[in-house]
């Protein structure tokens, strides 16, 4: 996994990001927001093991 410096924070983040738009979406996102809690927990738990340390949890993904 490659990492990049996040601005001037001193933090290094993975080039890959775990997006969470399938984690319980409603409205427009309901068609793809059907991932169950167990599956979501499995994905979030596996991310660090794969080197992913950047997660996107934008409110637009679940609204």
C-alpha atoms as a PDB file:
ATOM      1  CA  UNK A   1       0.000   0.000   0.000  1.00  0.00           C
ATOM      2  CA  UNK A   2       1.239   3.463  -0.800  1.00  0.00           C
ATOM      3  CA  UNK A   3       0.643   6.398   1.524  1.00  0.00           C
ATOM      4  CA  UNK A   4       0.619  10.150   0.970  1.00  0.00           C
ATOM      5  CA  UNK A   5       1.033  13.049   3.340  1.00  0.00           C
ATOM      6  CA  UNK A   6      -2.329  14.685   4.089  1.00  0.00           C
ATOM      7  CA  UNK A   7      -1.663  18.378   3.623  1.00  0.00           C
ATOM      8  CA  UNK A   8       0.472  19.742   6.446  1.00  0.00           C
ATOM      9  CA  UNK A   9      -1.057  17.523   9.144  1.00  0.00           C
ATOM     10  CA  UNK A  10       1.861  15.125   9.409  1.00  0.00           C
ATOM     11  CA  UNK A  11      -0.575  12.252   8.793  1.00  0.00           C
ATOM     12  CA  UNK A  12       0.021   9.700   6.073  1.00  0.00           C
ATOM     13  CA  UNK A  13      -3.100   8.229   4.493  1.00  0.00           C
ATOM     14  CA  UNK A  14      -3.493   5.293   2.156  1.00  0.00           C
ATOM     15  CA  UNK A  15      -4.026   5.949  -1.537  1.00  0.00           C
ATOM     16  CA  UNK A  16      -7.084   3.708  -1.354  1.00  0.00           C
ATOM     17  CA  UNK A  17     -10.100   4.867   0.604  1.00  0.00           C
ATOM     18  CA  UNK A  18     -12.918   2.749   2.019  1.00  0.00           C
ATOM     19  CA  UNK A  19     -16.180   4.349   0.888  1.00  0.00           C
ATOM     20  CA  UNK A  20     -19.281   3.599   2.920  1.00  0.00           C
ATOM     21  CA  UNK A  21     -22.117   4.573   0.594  1.00  0.00           C
ATOM     22  CA  UNK A  22     -23.480   1.007   0.654  1.00  0.00           C
ATOM     23  CA  UNK A  23     -23.763   0.980   4.428  1.00  0.00           C
ATOM     24  CA  UNK A  24     -27.493   1.596   4.865  1.00  0.00           C
ATOM     25  CA  UNK A  25     -28.319   4.243   2.287  1.00  0.00           C
ATOM     26  CA  UNK A  26     -31.793   5.754   2.078  1.00  0.00           C
ATOM     27  CA  UNK A  27     -33.690   7.683  -0.557  1.00  0.00           C
ATOM     28  CA  UNK A  28     -31.671   7.856  -3.761  1.00  0.00           C
ATOM     29  CA  UNK A  29     -29.056   5.514  -2.290  1.00  0.00           C
ATOM     30  CA  UNK A  30     -31.525   2.802  -1.218  1.00  0.00           C
ATOM     31  CA  UNK A  31     -30.920   0.792  -4.395  1.00  0.00           C
ATOM     32  CA  UNK A  32     -27.299   0.199  -3.389  1.00  0.00           C
ATOM     33  CA  UNK A  33     -27.535   0.777   0.355  1.00  0.00           C
ATOM     34  CA  UNK A  34     -28.523  -2.752   1.286  1.00  0.00           C
ATOM     35  CA  UNK A  35     -25.312  -3.972   2.896  1.00  0.00           C
ATOM     36  CA  UNK A  36     -26.086  -5.566   6.256  1.00  0.00           C
ATOM     37  CA  UNK A  37     -24.402  -4.706   9.561  1.00  0.00           C
ATOM     38  CA  UNK A  38     -22.331  -7.902   9.626  1.00  0.00           C
ATOM     39  CA  UNK A  39     -21.006  -7.332   6.109  1.00  0.00           C
ATOM     40  CA  UNK A  40     -20.221  -3.691   6.881  1.00  0.00           C
ATOM     41  CA  UNK A  41     -18.376  -4.677  10.075  1.00  0.00           C
ATOM     42  CA  UNK A  42     -16.379  -7.278   8.132  1.00  0.00           C
ATOM     43  CA  UNK A  43     -15.339  -4.719   5.506  1.00  0.00           C
ATOM     44  CA  UNK A  44     -14.371  -2.071   8.057  1.00  0.00           C
ATOM     45  CA  UNK A  45     -12.461  -4.668  10.069  1.00  0.00           C
ATOM     46  CA  UNK A  46     -10.533  -5.923   7.031  1.00  0.00           C
ATOM     47  CA  UNK A  47      -9.492  -2.473   5.825  1.00  0.00           C
ATOM     48  CA  UNK A  48      -6.591  -1.927   8.270  1.00  0.00           C
ATOM     49  CA  UNK A  49      -5.311  -5.457   7.603  1.00  0.00           C
ATOM     50  CA  UNK A  50      -5.073  -4.451   3.944  1.00  0.00           C
ATOM     51  CA  UNK A  51      -3.292  -1.187   4.740  1.00  0.00           C
ATOM     52  CA  UNK A  52      -6.316   1.078   4.243  1.00  0.00           C
ATOM     53  CA  UNK A  53      -6.407   3.822   6.874  1.00  0.00           C
ATOM     54  CA  UNK A  54      -8.646   6.335   5.085  1.00  0.00           C
ATOM     55  CA  UNK A  55     -12.431   6.035   5.289  1.00  0.00           C
ATOM     56  CA  UNK A  56     -15.071   8.166   3.610  1.00  0.00           C
ATOM     57  CA  UNK A  57     -18.217   8.596   5.668  1.00  0.00           C
ATOM     58  CA  UNK A  58     -19.731  11.576   3.879  1.00  0.00           C
ATOM     59  CA  UNK A  59     -23.289  12.311   5.021  1.00  0.00           C
ATOM     60  CA  UNK A  60     -24.409  12.431   1.373  1.00  0.00           C
ATOM     61  CA  UNK A  61     -23.648   8.734   1.132  1.00  0.00           C
ATOM     62  CA  UNK A  62     -26.446   7.814   3.519  1.00  0.00           C
ATOM     63  CA  UNK A  63     -28.952  10.636   3.053  1.00  0.00           C
END
